[in-house]
Amino acid sequence: MNFRLARIQTAMLALTASFAAVALVSGASLPVGIVLGGAAAWLDFVVIKSLASAMLIRRPSPAHVVPMALTKSLALVAVPGCALFLPATLVDGVSFALGVTTLPLAIVIDALRALPEPKTGAA
């Protein structure tokens, strides 16, 4: 399972870099917004992963879980909040949304990779 989570994490970073490169070359969107959105999604994924692993312990310590939950909540609010204060020439809603979309897209790509090969009738 950890291998798949690491693969999703790597796919998110690769997708963010790819989207930002395409945006930079084509001028269709703002690459800084895509990178910031991808970084927000990556940070959220990393914190969720560590929070879930802490919760799977038989008796999780509240002193360990509560700070991680607060970090997740703060990251979820702080990164988009900071993006709002950046100039519209650097970050707009569409570019930020493209970056954040890398998380569900990486999960779908990983899920499709895990599907078994269809069997053919002729063997």
PDB file of N, CA and C in Angstrom:
ATOM      1  N   MET A   1       0.819  -1.192   0.000  1.00  0.00           N
ATOM      2  CA  MET A   1       0.000   0.000   0.000  1.00  0.00           C
ATOM      3  C   MET A   1       0.866   1.262   0.000  1.00  0.00           C
ATOM      4  N   ASN A   2       1.963   1.227   0.764  1.00  0.00           N
ATOM      5  CA  ASN A   2       2.843   2.395   0.792  1.00  0.00           C
ATOM      6  C   ASN A   2       3.456   2.662  -0.572  1.00  0.00           C
ATOM      7  N   PHE A   3       3.688   1.599  -1.340  1.00  0.00           N
ATOM      8  CA  PHE A   3       4.226   1.773  -2.689  1.00  0.00           C
ATOM      9  C   PHE A   3       3.245   2.535  -3.565  1.00  0.00           C
ATOM     10  N   ARG A   4       1.966   2.188  -3.457  1.00  0.00           N
ATOM     11  CA  ARG A   4       0.941   2.888  -4.256  1.00  0.00           C
ATOM     12  C   ARG A   4       0.813   4.341  -3.825  1.00  0.00           C
ATOM     13  N   LEU A   5       0.892   4.601  -2.529  1.00  0.00           N
ATOM     14  CA  LEU A   5       0.807   5.985  -2.063  1.00  0.00           C
ATOM     15  C   LEU A   5       1.999   6.799  -2.549  1.00  0.00           C
ATOM     16  N   ALA A   6       3.164   6.198  -2.530  1.00  0.00           N
ATOM     17  CA  ALA A   6       4.351   6.885  -3.053  1.00  0.00           C
ATOM     18  C   ALA A   6       4.227   7.112  -4.550  1.00  0.00           C
ATOM     19  N   ARG A   7       3.641   6.156  -5.251  1.00  0.00           N
ATOM     20  CA  ARG A   7       3.440   6.296  -6.694  1.00  0.00           C
ATOM     21  C   ARG A   7       2.447   7.423  -7.003  1.00  0.00           C
ATOM     22  N   ILE A   8       1.397   7.536  -6.209  1.00  0.00           N
ATOM     23  CA  ILE A   8       0.424   8.623  -6.375  1.00  0.00           C
ATOM     24  C   ILE A   8       1.098   9.960  -6.103  1.00  0.00           C
ATOM     25  N   GLN A   9       1.903  10.009  -5.066  1.00  0.00           N
ATOM     26  CA  GLN A   9       2.611  11.241  -4.705  1.00  0.00           C
ATOM     27  C   GLN A   9       3.557  11.670  -5.830  1.00  0.00           C
ATOM     28  N   THR A  10       4.274  10.732  -6.413  1.00  0.00           N
ATOM     29  CA  THR A  10       5.176  11.032  -7.521  1.00  0.00           C
ATOM     30  C   THR A  10       4.397  11.462  -8.758  1.00  0.00           C
ATOM     31  N   ALA A  11       3.275  10.798  -9.014  1.00  0.00           N
ATOM     32  CA  ALA A  11       2.446  11.164 -10.167  1.00  0.00           C
ATOM     33  C   ALA A  11       1.892  12.583 -10.018  1.00  0.00           C
ATOM     34  N   MET A  12       1.539  12.953  -8.797  1.00  0.00           N
ATOM     35  CA  MET A  12       1.055  14.320  -8.565  1.00  0.00           C
ATOM     36  C   MET A  12       2.124  15.342  -8.906  1.00  0.00           C
ATOM     37  N   LEU A  13       3.330  15.103  -8.462  1.00  0.00           N
ATOM     38  CA  LEU A  13       4.425  16.031  -8.752  1.00  0.00           C
ATOM     39  C   LEU A  13       4.725  16.085 -10.244  1.00  0.00           C
ATOM     40  N   ALA A  14       4.698  14.936 -10.903  1.00  0.00           N
ATOM     41  CA  ALA A  14       4.954  14.894 -12.344  1.00  0.00           C
ATOM     42  C   ALA A  14       3.849  15.604 -13.121  1.00  0.00           C
ATOM     43  N   LEU A  15       2.596  15.398 -12.725  1.00  0.00           N
ATOM     44  CA  LEU A  15       1.488  16.072 -13.388  1.00  0.00           C
ATOM     45  C   LEU A  15       1.547  17.581 -13.178  1.00  0.00           C
ATOM     46  N   THR A  16       1.890  17.998 -11.971  1.00  0.00           N
ATOM     47  CA  THR A  16       2.006  19.432 -11.705  1.00  0.00           C
ATOM     48  C   THR A  16       3.090  20.053 -12.566  1.00  0.00           C
ATOM     49  N   ALA A  17       4.229  19.400 -12.634  1.00  0.00           N
ATOM     50  CA  ALA A  17       5.321  19.913 -13.462  1.00  0.00           C
ATOM     51  C   ALA A  17       4.939  19.927 -14.939  1.00  0.00           C
ATOM     52  N   SER A  18       4.254  18.891 -15.398  1.00  0.00           N
ATOM     53  CA  SER A  18       3.821  18.827 -16.794  1.00  0.00           C
ATOM     54  C   SER A  18       2.812  19.922 -17.117  1.00  0.00           C
ATOM     55  N   PHE A  19       1.818  20.092 -16.254  1.00  0.00           N
ATOM     56  CA  PHE A  19       0.807  21.135 -16.469  1.00  0.00           C
ATOM     57  C   PHE A  19       1.459  22.516 -16.487  1.00  0.00           C
ATOM     58  N   ALA A  20       2.383  22.742 -15.561  1.00  0.00           N
ATOM     59  CA  ALA A  20       3.047  24.045 -15.493  1.00  0.00           C
ATOM     60  C   ALA A  20       3.912  24.281 -16.732  1.00  0.00           C
ATOM     61  N   ALA A  21       4.584  23.247 -17.204  1.00  0.00           N
ATOM     62  CA  ALA A  21       5.414  23.394 -18.406  1.00  0.00           C
ATOM     63  C   ALA A  21       4.557  23.686 -19.632  1.00  0.00           C
ATOM     64  N   VAL A  22       3.439  22.983 -19.763  1.00  0.00           N
ATOM     65  CA  VAL A  22       2.532  23.239 -20.892  1.00  0.00           C
ATOM     66  C   VAL A  22       1.969  24.651 -20.802  1.00  0.00           C
ATOM     67  N   ALA A  23       1.614  25.088 -19.598  1.00  0.00           N
ATOM     68  CA  ALA A  23       1.085  26.437 -19.421  1.00  0.00           C
ATOM     69  C   ALA A  23       2.143  27.485 -19.739  1.00  0.00           C
ATOM     70  N   LEU A  24       3.378  27.217 -19.383  1.00  0.00           N
ATOM     71  CA  LEU A  24       4.459  28.159 -19.655  1.00  0.00           C
ATOM     72  C   LEU A  24       4.733  28.284 -21.156  1.00  0.00           C
ATOM     73  N   VAL A  25       4.739  27.151 -21.833  1.00  0.00           N
ATOM     74  CA  VAL A  25       5.023  27.149 -23.268  1.00  0.00           C
ATOM     75  C   VAL A  25       3.846  27.722 -24.063  1.00  0.00           C
ATOM     76  N   SER A  26       2.634  27.309 -23.707  1.00  0.00           N
ATOM     77  CA  SER A  26       1.466  27.720 -24.493  1.00  0.00           C
ATOM     78  C   SER A  26       0.913  29.078 -24.099  1.00  0.00           C
ATOM     79  N   GLY A  27       1.137  29.490 -22.874  1.00  0.00           N
ATOM     80  CA  GLY A  27       0.573  30.745 -22.396  1.00  0.00           C
ATOM     81  C   GLY A  27      -0.916  30.647 -22.110  1.00  0.00           C
ATOM     82  N   ALA A  28      -1.457  29.424 -22.056  1.00  0.00           N
ATOM     83  CA  ALA A  28      -2.886  29.223 -21.844  1.00  0.00           C
ATOM     84  C   ALA A  28      -3.308  29.489 -20.402  1.00  0.00           C
ATOM     85  N   SER A  29      -2.392  29.328 -19.472  1.00  0.00           N
ATOM     86  CA  SER A  29      -2.708  29.530 -18.059  1.00  0.00           C
ATOM     87  C   SER A  29      -1.458  30.048 -17.358  1.00  0.00           C
ATOM     88  N   LEU A  30      -1.606  30.317 -16.078  1.00  0.00           N
ATOM     89  CA  LEU A  30      -0.498  30.854 -15.292  1.00  0.00           C
ATOM     90  C   LEU A  30       0.239  29.721 -14.577  1.00  0.00           C
ATOM     91  N   PRO A  31       1.515  29.478 -14.917  1.00  0.00           N
ATOM     92  CA  PRO A  31       2.239  28.354 -14.317  1.00  0.00           C
ATOM     93  C   PRO A  31       2.442  28.477 -12.807  1.00  0.00           C
ATOM     94  N   VAL A  32       2.563  29.691 -12.286  1.00  0.00           N
ATOM     95  CA  VAL A  32       2.755  29.849 -10.833  1.00  0.00           C
ATOM     96  C   VAL A  32       1.514  29.363 -10.087  1.00  0.00           C
ATOM     97  N   GLY A  33       0.337  29.660 -10.624  1.00  0.00           N
ATOM     98  CA  GLY A  33      -0.899  29.194 -10.002  1.00  0.00           C
ATOM     99  C   GLY A  33      -1.013  27.685 -10.023  1.00  0.00           C
ATOM    100  N   ILE A  34      -0.568  27.079 -11.127  1.00  0.00           N
ATOM    101  CA  ILE A  34      -0.606  25.617 -11.223  1.00  0.00           C
ATOM    102  C   ILE A  34       0.349  24.995 -10.213  1.00  0.00           C
ATOM    103  N   VAL A  35       1.535  25.547 -10.093  1.00  0.00           N
ATOM    104  CA  VAL A  35       2.506  25.022  -9.124  1.00  0.00           C
ATOM    105  C   VAL A  35       1.998  25.207  -7.696  1.00  0.00           C
ATOM    106  N   LEU A  36       1.419  26.352  -7.413  1.00  0.00           N
ATOM    107  CA  LEU A  36       0.894  26.588  -6.060  1.00  0.00           C
ATOM    108  C   LEU A  36      -0.270  25.650  -5.750  1.00  0.00           C
ATOM    109  N   GLY A  37      -1.160  25.445  -6.706  1.00  0.00           N
ATOM    110  CA  GLY A  37      -2.271  24.507  -6.508  1.00  0.00           C
ATOM    111  C   GLY A  37      -1.781  23.078  -6.356  1.00  0.00           C
ATOM    112  N   GLY A  38      -0.798  22.686  -7.172  1.00  0.00           N
ATOM    113  CA  GLY A  38      -0.225  21.347  -7.048  1.00  0.00           C
ATOM    114  C   GLY A  38       0.490  21.152  -5.728  1.00  0.00           C
ATOM    115  N   ALA A  39       1.172  22.197  -5.264  1.00  0.00           N
ATOM    116  CA  ALA A  39       1.847  22.114  -3.962  1.00  0.00           C
ATOM    117  C   ALA A  39       0.828  21.994  -2.830  1.00  0.00           C
ATOM    118  N   ALA A  40      -0.286  22.696  -2.959  1.00  0.00           N
ATOM    119  CA  ALA A  40      -1.343  22.597  -1.940  1.00  0.00           C
ATOM    120  C   ALA A  40      -1.915  21.184  -1.908  1.00  0.00           C
ATOM    121  N   ALA A  41      -2.162  20.607  -3.092  1.00  0.00           N
ATOM    122  CA  ALA A  41      -2.690  19.241  -3.151  1.00  0.00           C
ATOM    123  C   ALA A  41      -1.674  18.242  -2.604  1.00  0.00           C
ATOM    124  N   TRP A  42      -0.394  18.441  -2.949  1.00  0.00           N
ATOM    125  CA  TRP A  42       0.646  17.541  -2.462  1.00  0.00           C
ATOM    126  C   TRP A  42       0.763  17.604  -0.937  1.00  0.00           C
ATOM    127  N   LEU A  43       0.763  18.828  -0.395  1.00  0.00           N
ATOM    128  CA  LEU A  43       0.848  18.996   1.054  1.00  0.00           C
ATOM    129  C   LEU A  43      -0.348  18.356   1.747  1.00  0.00           C
ATOM    130  N   ASP A  44      -1.524  18.541   1.184  1.00  0.00           N
ATOM    131  CA  ASP A  44      -2.722  17.939   1.752  1.00  0.00           C
ATOM    132  C   ASP A  44      -2.611  16.421   1.743  1.00  0.00           C
ATOM    133  N   PHE A  45      -2.125  15.853   0.643  1.00  0.00           N
ATOM    134  CA  PHE A  45      -1.972  14.406   0.532  1.00  0.00           C
ATOM    135  C   PHE A  45      -0.974  13.869   1.553  1.00  0.00           C
ATOM    136  N   VAL A  46       0.144  14.548   1.709  1.00  0.00           N
ATOM    137  CA  VAL A  46       1.175  14.103   2.652  1.00  0.00           C
ATOM    138  C   VAL A  46       0.642  14.141   4.087  1.00  0.00           C
ATOM    139  N   VAL A  47      -0.067  15.193   4.434  1.00  0.00           N
ATOM    140  CA  VAL A  47      -0.594  15.304   5.794  1.00  0.00           C
ATOM    141  C   VAL A  47      -1.692  14.272   6.028  1.00  0.00           C
ATOM    142  N   ILE A  48      -2.549  14.050   5.037  1.00  0.00           N
ATOM    143  CA  ILE A  48      -3.583  13.023   5.179  1.00  0.00           C
ATOM    144  C   ILE A  48      -2.948  11.649   5.349  1.00  0.00           C
ATOM    145  N   LYS A  49      -1.901  11.376   4.570  1.00  0.00           N
ATOM    146  CA  LYS A  49      -1.220  10.081   4.660  1.00  0.00           C
ATOM    147  C   LYS A  49      -0.621   9.872   6.046  1.00  0.00           C
ATOM    148  N   SER A  50       0.028  10.888   6.585  1.00  0.00           N
ATOM    149  CA  SER A  50       0.626  10.737   7.920  1.00  0.00           C
ATOM    150  C   SER A  50      -0.446  10.684   9.001  1.00  0.00           C
ATOM    151  N   LEU A  51      -1.527  11.413   8.819  1.00  0.00           N
ATOM    152  CA  LEU A  51      -2.624  11.369   9.786  1.00  0.00           C
ATOM    153  C   LEU A  51      -3.291   9.996   9.775  1.00  0.00           C
ATOM    154  N   ALA A  52      -3.494   9.431   8.596  1.00  0.00           N
ATOM    155  CA  ALA A  52      -4.104   8.100   8.502  1.00  0.00           C
ATOM    156  C   ALA A  52      -3.200   7.039   9.106  1.00  0.00           C
ATOM    157  N   SER A  53      -1.902   7.133   8.869  1.00  0.00           N
ATOM    158  CA  SER A  53      -1.002   6.137   9.455  1.00  0.00           C
ATOM    159  C   SER A  53      -0.960   6.264  10.969  1.00  0.00           C
ATOM    160  N   ALA A  54      -1.080   7.471  11.483  1.00  0.00           N
ATOM    161  CA  ALA A  54      -1.115   7.645  12.936  1.00  0.00           C
ATOM    162  C   ALA A  54      -2.416   7.102  13.526  1.00  0.00           C
ATOM    163  N   MET A  55      -3.495   7.223  12.780  1.00  0.00           N
ATOM    164  CA  MET A  55      -4.786   6.743  13.281  1.00  0.00           C
ATOM    165  C   MET A  55      -4.897   5.215  13.230  1.00  0.00           C
ATOM    166  N   LEU A  56      -4.079   4.562  12.409  1.00  0.00           N
ATOM    167  CA  LEU A  56      -4.132   3.112  12.313  1.00  0.00           C
ATOM    168  C   LEU A  56      -3.395   2.410  13.445  1.00  0.00           C
ATOM    169  N   ILE A  57      -2.690   3.174  14.249  1.00  0.00           N
ATOM    170  CA  ILE A  57      -2.039   2.603  15.426  1.00  0.00           C
ATOM    171  C   ILE A  57      -3.138   2.163  16.396  1.00  0.00           C
ATOM    172  N   ARG A  58      -2.877   1.113  17.131  1.00  0.00           N
ATOM    173  CA  ARG A  58      -3.908   0.545  18.006  1.00  0.00           C
ATOM    174  C   ARG A  58      -4.487   1.575  18.960  1.00  0.00           C
ATOM    175  N   ARG A  59      -3.657   2.328  19.633  1.00  0.00           N
ATOM    176  CA  ARG A  59      -4.117   3.387  20.533  1.00  0.00           C
ATOM    177  C   ARG A  59      -3.352   4.666  20.203  1.00  0.00           C
ATOM    178  N   PRO A  60      -3.866   5.441  19.252  1.00  0.00           N
ATOM    179  CA  PRO A  60      -3.127   6.648  18.869  1.00  0.00           C
ATOM    180  C   PRO A  60      -3.103   7.672  19.997  1.00  0.00           C
ATOM    181  N   SER A  61      -1.973   8.294  20.161  1.00  0.00           N
ATOM    182  CA  SER A  61      -1.809   9.309  21.183  1.00  0.00           C
ATOM    183  C   SER A  61      -2.414  10.627  20.697  1.00  0.00           C
ATOM    184  N   PRO A  62      -3.299  11.231  21.486  1.00  0.00           N
ATOM    185  CA  PRO A  62      -3.856  12.523  21.082  1.00  0.00           C
ATOM    186  C   PRO A  62      -2.776  13.593  20.932  1.00  0.00           C
ATOM    187  N   ALA A  63      -1.686  13.464  21.673  1.00  0.00           N
ATOM    188  CA  ALA A  63      -0.595  14.429  21.566  1.00  0.00           C
ATOM    189  C   ALA A  63       0.090  14.338  20.205  1.00  0.00           C
ATOM    190  N   HIS A  64      -0.076  13.224  19.523  1.00  0.00           N
ATOM    191  CA  HIS A  64       0.521  13.044  18.202  1.00  0.00           C
ATOM    192  C   HIS A  64      -0.479  13.345  17.086  1.00  0.00           C
ATOM    193  N   VAL A  65      -1.735  12.972  17.293  1.00  0.00           N
ATOM    194  CA  VAL A  65      -2.751  13.095  16.250  1.00  0.00           C
ATOM    195  C   VAL A  65      -3.298  14.517  16.143  1.00  0.00           C
ATOM    196  N   VAL A  66      -3.527  15.171  17.264  1.00  0.00           N
ATOM    197  CA  VAL A  66      -4.133  16.504  17.254  1.00  0.00           C
ATOM    198  C   VAL A  66      -3.275  17.523  16.504  1.00  0.00           C
ATOM    199  N   PRO A  67      -1.956  17.588  16.716  1.00  0.00           N
ATOM    200  CA  PRO A  67      -1.168  18.549  15.934  1.00  0.00           C
ATOM    201  C   PRO A  67      -1.218  18.284  14.425  1.00  0.00           C
ATOM    202  N   MET A  68      -1.247  17.004  14.043  1.00  0.00           N
ATOM    203  CA  MET A  68      -1.343  16.696  12.617  1.00  0.00           C
ATOM    204  C   MET A  68      -2.695  17.113  12.053  1.00  0.00           C
ATOM    205  N   ALA A  69      -3.755  16.901  12.802  1.00  0.00           N
ATOM    206  CA  ALA A  69      -5.079  17.317  12.342  1.00  0.00           C
ATOM    207  C   ALA A  69      -5.159  18.837  12.223  1.00  0.00           C
ATOM    208  N   LEU A  70      -4.561  19.536  13.166  1.00  0.00           N
ATOM    209  CA  LEU A  70      -4.532  21.000  13.086  1.00  0.00           C
ATOM    210  C   LEU A  70      -3.693  21.473  11.903  1.00  0.00           C
ATOM    211  N   THR A  71      -2.580  20.803  11.645  1.00  0.00           N
ATOM    212  CA  THR A  71      -1.739  21.145  10.502  1.00  0.00           C
ATOM    213  C   THR A  71      -2.508  20.956   9.202  1.00  0.00           C
ATOM    214  N   LYS A  72      -3.261  19.866   9.109  1.00  0.00           N
ATOM    215  CA  LYS A  72      -4.050  19.625   7.912  1.00  0.00           C
ATOM    216  C   LYS A  72      -5.092  20.712   7.729  1.00  0.00           C
ATOM    217  N   SER A  73      -5.767  21.068   8.786  1.00  0.00           N
ATOM    218  CA  SER A  73      -6.792  22.109   8.698  1.00  0.00           C
ATOM    219  C   SER A  73      -6.179  23.450   8.313  1.00  0.00           C
ATOM    220  N   LEU A  74      -5.061  23.778   8.935  1.00  0.00           N
ATOM    221  CA  LEU A  74      -4.398  25.050   8.613  1.00  0.00           C
ATOM    222  C   LEU A  74      -3.895  25.075   7.177  1.00  0.00           C
ATOM    223  N   ALA A  75      -3.323  23.968   6.722  1.00  0.00           N
ATOM    224  CA  ALA A  75      -2.830  23.915   5.346  1.00  0.00           C
ATOM    225  C   ALA A  75      -3.969  24.031   4.352  1.00  0.00           C
ATOM    226  N   LEU A  76      -5.089  23.407   4.676  1.00  0.00           N
ATOM    227  CA  LEU A  76      -6.237  23.448   3.787  1.00  0.00           C
ATOM    228  C   LEU A  76      -6.792  24.858   3.641  1.00  0.00           C
ATOM    229  N   VAL A  77      -6.657  25.665   4.678  1.00  0.00           N
ATOM    230  CA  VAL A  77      -7.157  27.043   4.642  1.00  0.00           C
ATOM    231  C   VAL A  77      -6.067  28.031   4.237  1.00  0.00           C
ATOM    232  N   ALA A  78      -4.850  27.825   4.692  1.00  0.00           N
ATOM    233  CA  ALA A  78      -3.789  28.815   4.509  1.00  0.00           C
ATOM    234  C   ALA A  78      -3.292  28.918   3.070  1.00  0.00           C
ATOM    235  N   VAL A  79      -3.107  27.796   2.394  1.00  0.00           N
ATOM    236  CA  VAL A  79      -2.535  27.855   1.045  1.00  0.00           C
ATOM    237  C   VAL A  79      -3.478  28.551   0.060  1.00  0.00           C
ATOM    238  N   PRO A  80      -4.756  28.168  -0.012  1.00  0.00           N
ATOM    239  CA  PRO A  80      -5.637  28.933  -0.907  1.00  0.00           C
ATOM    240  C   PRO A  80      -5.814  30.377  -0.442  1.00  0.00           C
ATOM    241  N   GLY A  81      -5.780  30.598   0.863  1.00  0.00           N
ATOM    242  CA  GLY A  81      -5.880  31.964   1.372  1.00  0.00           C
ATOM    243  C   GLY A  81      -4.708  32.823   0.936  1.00  0.00           C
ATOM    244  N   CYS A  82      -3.521  32.259   0.974  1.00  0.00           N
ATOM    245  CA  CYS A  82      -2.339  32.994   0.503  1.00  0.00           C
ATOM    246  C   CYS A  82      -2.417  33.240  -0.996  1.00  0.00           C
ATOM    247  N   ALA A  83      -2.980  32.281  -1.724  1.00  0.00           N
ATOM    248  CA  ALA A  83      -3.108  32.444  -3.172  1.00  0.00           C
ATOM    249  C   ALA A  83      -4.033  33.613  -3.515  1.00  0.00           C
ATOM    250  N   LEU A  84      -4.999  33.881  -2.654  1.00  0.00           N
ATOM    251  CA  LEU A  84      -5.908  35.005  -2.893  1.00  0.00           C
ATOM    252  C   LEU A  84      -5.198  36.356  -2.791  1.00  0.00           C
ATOM    253  N   PHE A  85      -4.154  36.405  -1.991  1.00  0.00           N
ATOM    254  CA  PHE A  85      -3.433  37.662  -1.800  1.00  0.00           C
ATOM    255  C   PHE A  85      -2.360  37.913  -2.865  1.00  0.00           C
ATOM    256  N   LEU A  86      -2.051  36.912  -3.657  1.00  0.00           N
ATOM    257  CA  LEU A  86      -1.080  37.100  -4.731  1.00  0.00           C
ATOM    258  C   LEU A  86      -1.738  37.854  -5.889  1.00  0.00           C
ATOM    259  N   PRO A  87      -0.970  38.585  -6.669  1.00  0.00           N
ATOM    260  CA  PRO A  87      -1.555  39.329  -7.789  1.00  0.00           C
ATOM    261  C   PRO A  87      -2.199  38.392  -8.813  1.00  0.00           C
ATOM    262  N   ALA A  88      -3.227  38.880  -9.464  1.00  0.00           N
ATOM    263  CA  ALA A  88      -3.936  38.078 -10.465  1.00  0.00           C
ATOM    264  C   ALA A  88      -3.068  37.764 -11.671  1.00  0.00           C
ATOM    265  N   THR A  89      -1.965  38.469 -11.823  1.00  0.00           N
ATOM    266  CA  THR A  89      -1.047  38.167 -12.927  1.00  0.00           C
ATOM    267  C   THR A  89      -0.206  36.926 -12.636  1.00  0.00           C
ATOM    268  N   LEU A  90      -0.163  36.488 -11.373  1.00  0.00           N
ATOM    269  CA  LEU A  90       0.577  35.278 -10.997  1.00  0.00           C
ATOM    270  C   LEU A  90      -0.335  34.074 -10.805  1.00  0.00           C
ATOM    271  N   VAL A  91      -1.460  34.292 -10.123  1.00  0.00           N
ATOM    272  CA  VAL A  91      -2.356  33.196  -9.770  1.00  0.00           C
ATOM    273  C   VAL A  91      -3.785  33.622 -10.073  1.00  0.00           C
ATOM    274  N   ASP A  92      -4.490  32.769 -10.792  1.00  0.00           N
ATOM    275  CA  ASP A  92      -5.924  32.977 -10.955  1.00  0.00           C
ATOM    276  C   ASP A  92      -6.632  31.683 -10.559  1.00  0.00           C
ATOM    277  N   GLY A  93      -7.923  31.725 -10.509  1.00  0.00           N
ATOM    278  CA  GLY A  93      -8.688  30.568 -10.045  1.00  0.00           C
ATOM    279  C   GLY A  93      -8.507  29.340 -10.911  1.00  0.00           C
ATOM    280  N   VAL A  94      -8.448  29.543 -12.215  1.00  0.00           N
ATOM    281  CA  VAL A  94      -8.316  28.402 -13.132  1.00  0.00           C
ATOM    282  C   VAL A  94      -6.957  27.729 -12.977  1.00  0.00           C
ATOM    283  N   SER A  95      -5.900  28.515 -12.892  1.00  0.00           N
ATOM    284  CA  SER A  95      -4.575  27.918 -12.765  1.00  0.00           C
ATOM    285  C   SER A  95      -4.435  27.178 -11.432  1.00  0.00           C
ATOM    286  N   PHE A  96      -4.962  27.755 -10.354  1.00  0.00           N
ATOM    287  CA  PHE A  96      -4.908  27.092  -9.057  1.00  0.00           C
ATOM    288  C   PHE A  96      -5.724  25.794  -9.103  1.00  0.00           C
ATOM    289  N   ALA A  97      -6.886  25.845  -9.744  1.00  0.00           N
ATOM    290  CA  ALA A  97      -7.733  24.649  -9.852  1.00  0.00           C
ATOM    291  C   ALA A  97      -7.049  23.554 -10.667  1.00  0.00           C
ATOM    292  N   LEU A  98      -6.330  23.944 -11.722  1.00  0.00           N
ATOM    293  CA  LEU A  98      -5.580  22.951 -12.497  1.00  0.00           C
ATOM    294  C   LEU A  98      -4.536  22.258 -11.635  1.00  0.00           C
ATOM    295  N   GLY A  99      -3.862  23.015 -10.796  1.00  0.00           N
ATOM    296  CA  GLY A  99      -2.860  22.426  -9.917  1.00  0.00           C
ATOM    297  C   GLY A  99      -3.468  21.492  -8.881  1.00  0.00           C
ATOM    298  N   VAL A 100      -4.586  21.884  -8.309  1.00  0.00           N
ATOM    299  CA  VAL A 100      -5.244  21.057  -7.289  1.00  0.00           C
ATOM    300  C   VAL A 100      -5.811  19.781  -7.909  1.00  0.00           C
ATOM    301  N   THR A 101      -6.175  19.840  -9.175  1.00  0.00           N
ATOM    302  CA  THR A 101      -6.753  18.684  -9.869  1.00  0.00           C
ATOM    303  C   THR A 101      -5.747  17.556 -10.045  1.00  0.00           C
ATOM    304  N   THR A 102      -4.473  17.830  -9.848  1.00  0.00           N
ATOM    305  CA  THR A 102      -3.482  16.767 -10.008  1.00  0.00           C
ATOM    306  C   THR A 102      -3.672  15.644  -8.994  1.00  0.00           C
ATOM    307  N   LEU A 103      -4.203  15.936  -7.818  1.00  0.00           N
ATOM    308  CA  LEU A 103      -4.414  14.882  -6.816  1.00  0.00           C
ATOM    309  C   LEU A 103      -5.456  13.870  -7.280  1.00  0.00           C
ATOM    310  N   PRO A 104      -6.692  14.278  -7.599  1.00  0.00           N
ATOM    311  CA  PRO A 104      -7.644  13.253  -8.050  1.00  0.00           C
ATOM    312  C   PRO A 104      -7.221  12.592  -9.360  1.00  0.00           C
ATOM    313  N   LEU A 105      -6.558  13.335 -10.233  1.00  0.00           N
ATOM    314  CA  LEU A 105      -6.105  12.759 -11.492  1.00  0.00           C
ATOM    315  C   LEU A 105      -5.038  11.690 -11.244  1.00  0.00           C
ATOM    316  N   ALA A 106      -4.121  11.944 -10.340  1.00  0.00           N
ATOM    317  CA  ALA A 106      -3.085  10.948 -10.015  1.00  0.00           C
ATOM    318  C   ALA A 106      -3.709   9.701  -9.388  1.00  0.00           C
ATOM    319  N   ILE A 107      -4.743   9.884  -8.576  1.00  0.00           N
ATOM    320  CA  ILE A 107      -5.419   8.733  -7.962  1.00  0.00           C
ATOM    321  C   ILE A 107      -6.122   7.898  -9.022  1.00  0.00           C
ATOM    322  N   VAL A 108      -6.796   8.551  -9.961  1.00  0.00           N
ATOM    323  CA  VAL A 108      -7.493   7.831 -11.032  1.00  0.00           C
ATOM    324  C   VAL A 108      -6.492   7.094 -11.915  1.00  0.00           C
ATOM    325  N   ILE A 109      -5.396   7.742 -12.254  1.00  0.00           N
ATOM    326  CA  ILE A 109      -4.369   7.096 -13.083  1.00  0.00           C
ATOM    327  C   ILE A 109      -3.806   5.875 -12.370  1.00  0.00           C
ATOM    328  N   ASP A 110      -3.542   5.993 -11.068  1.00  0.00           N
ATOM    329  CA  ASP A 110      -3.016   4.858 -10.313  1.00  0.00           C
ATOM    330  C   ASP A 110      -4.044   3.738 -10.223  1.00  0.00           C
ATOM    331  N   ALA A 111      -5.299   4.091 -10.065  1.00  0.00           N
ATOM    332  CA  ALA A 111      -6.350   3.066 -10.004  1.00  0.00           C
ATOM    333  C   ALA A 111      -6.477   2.337 -11.333  1.00  0.00           C
ATOM    334  N   LEU A 112      -6.336   3.065 -12.431  1.00  0.00           N
ATOM    335  CA  LEU A 112      -6.403   2.416 -13.743  1.00  0.00           C
ATOM    336  C   LEU A 112      -5.203   1.508 -13.985  1.00  0.00           C
ATOM    337  N   ARG A 113      -4.055   1.869 -13.440  1.00  0.00           N
ATOM    338  CA  ARG A 113      -2.863   1.020 -13.571  1.00  0.00           C
ATOM    339  C   ARG A 113      -3.029  -0.276 -12.803  1.00  0.00           C
ATOM    340  N   ALA A 114      -3.848  -0.283 -11.761  1.00  0.00           N
ATOM    341  CA  ALA A 114      -4.003  -1.456 -10.909  1.00  0.00           C
ATOM    342  C   ALA A 114      -5.048  -2.435 -11.448  1.00  0.00           C
ATOM    343  N   LEU A 115      -5.802  -2.042 -12.476  1.00  0.00           N
ATOM    344  CA  LEU A 115      -6.807  -2.939 -13.029  1.00  0.00           C
ATOM    345  C   LEU A 115      -6.137  -4.131 -13.708  1.00  0.00           C
ATOM    346  N   PRO A 116      -6.726  -5.306 -13.566  1.00  0.00           N
ATOM    347  CA  PRO A 116      -6.134  -6.475 -14.220  1.00  0.00           C
ATOM    348  C   PRO A 116      -6.337  -6.413 -15.742  1.00  0.00           C
ATOM    349  N   GLU A 117      -5.458  -7.081 -16.453  1.00  0.00           N
ATOM    350  CA  GLU A 117      -5.573  -7.154 -17.916  1.00  0.00           C
ATOM    351  C   GLU A 117      -6.809  -7.970 -18.280  1.00  0.00           C
ATOM    352  N   PRO A 118      -7.565  -7.520 -19.300  1.00  0.00           N
ATOM    353  CA  PRO A 118      -8.724  -8.325 -19.716  1.00  0.00           C
ATOM    354  C   PRO A 118      -8.271  -9.624 -20.377  1.00  0.00           C
ATOM    355  N   LYS A 119      -8.980 -10.703 -20.089  1.00  0.00           N
ATOM    356  CA  LYS A 119      -8.637 -12.001 -20.671  1.00  0.00           C
ATOM    357  C   LYS A 119      -9.284 -12.131 -22.042  1.00  0.00           C
ATOM    358  N   THR A 120      -8.514 -12.668 -22.964  1.00  0.00           N
ATOM    359  CA  THR A 120      -9.042 -12.886 -24.302  1.00  0.00           C
ATOM    360  C   THR A 120      -9.568 -14.313 -24.409  1.00  0.00           C
ATOM    361  N   GLY A 121     -10.451 -14.548 -25.340  1.00  0.00           N
ATOM    362  CA  GLY A 121     -11.060 -15.882 -25.489  1.00  0.00           C
ATOM    363  C   GLY A 121     -10.107 -16.898 -26.063  1.00  0.00           C
ATOM    364  N   ALA A 122      -9.197 -16.500 -26.932  1.00  0.00           N
ATOM    365  CA  ALA A 122      -8.256 -17.432 -27.544  1.00  0.00           C
ATOM    366  C   ALA A 122      -7.009 -17.564 -26.687  1.00  0.00           C
ATOM    367  N   ALA A 123      -6.727 -18.809 -26.258  1.00  0.00           N
ATOM    368  CA  ALA A 123      -5.550 -19.001 -25.422  1.00  0.00           C
ATOM    369  C   ALA A 123      -4.598 -19.992 -25.987  1.00  0.00           C
TER     370      ALA A 123
END
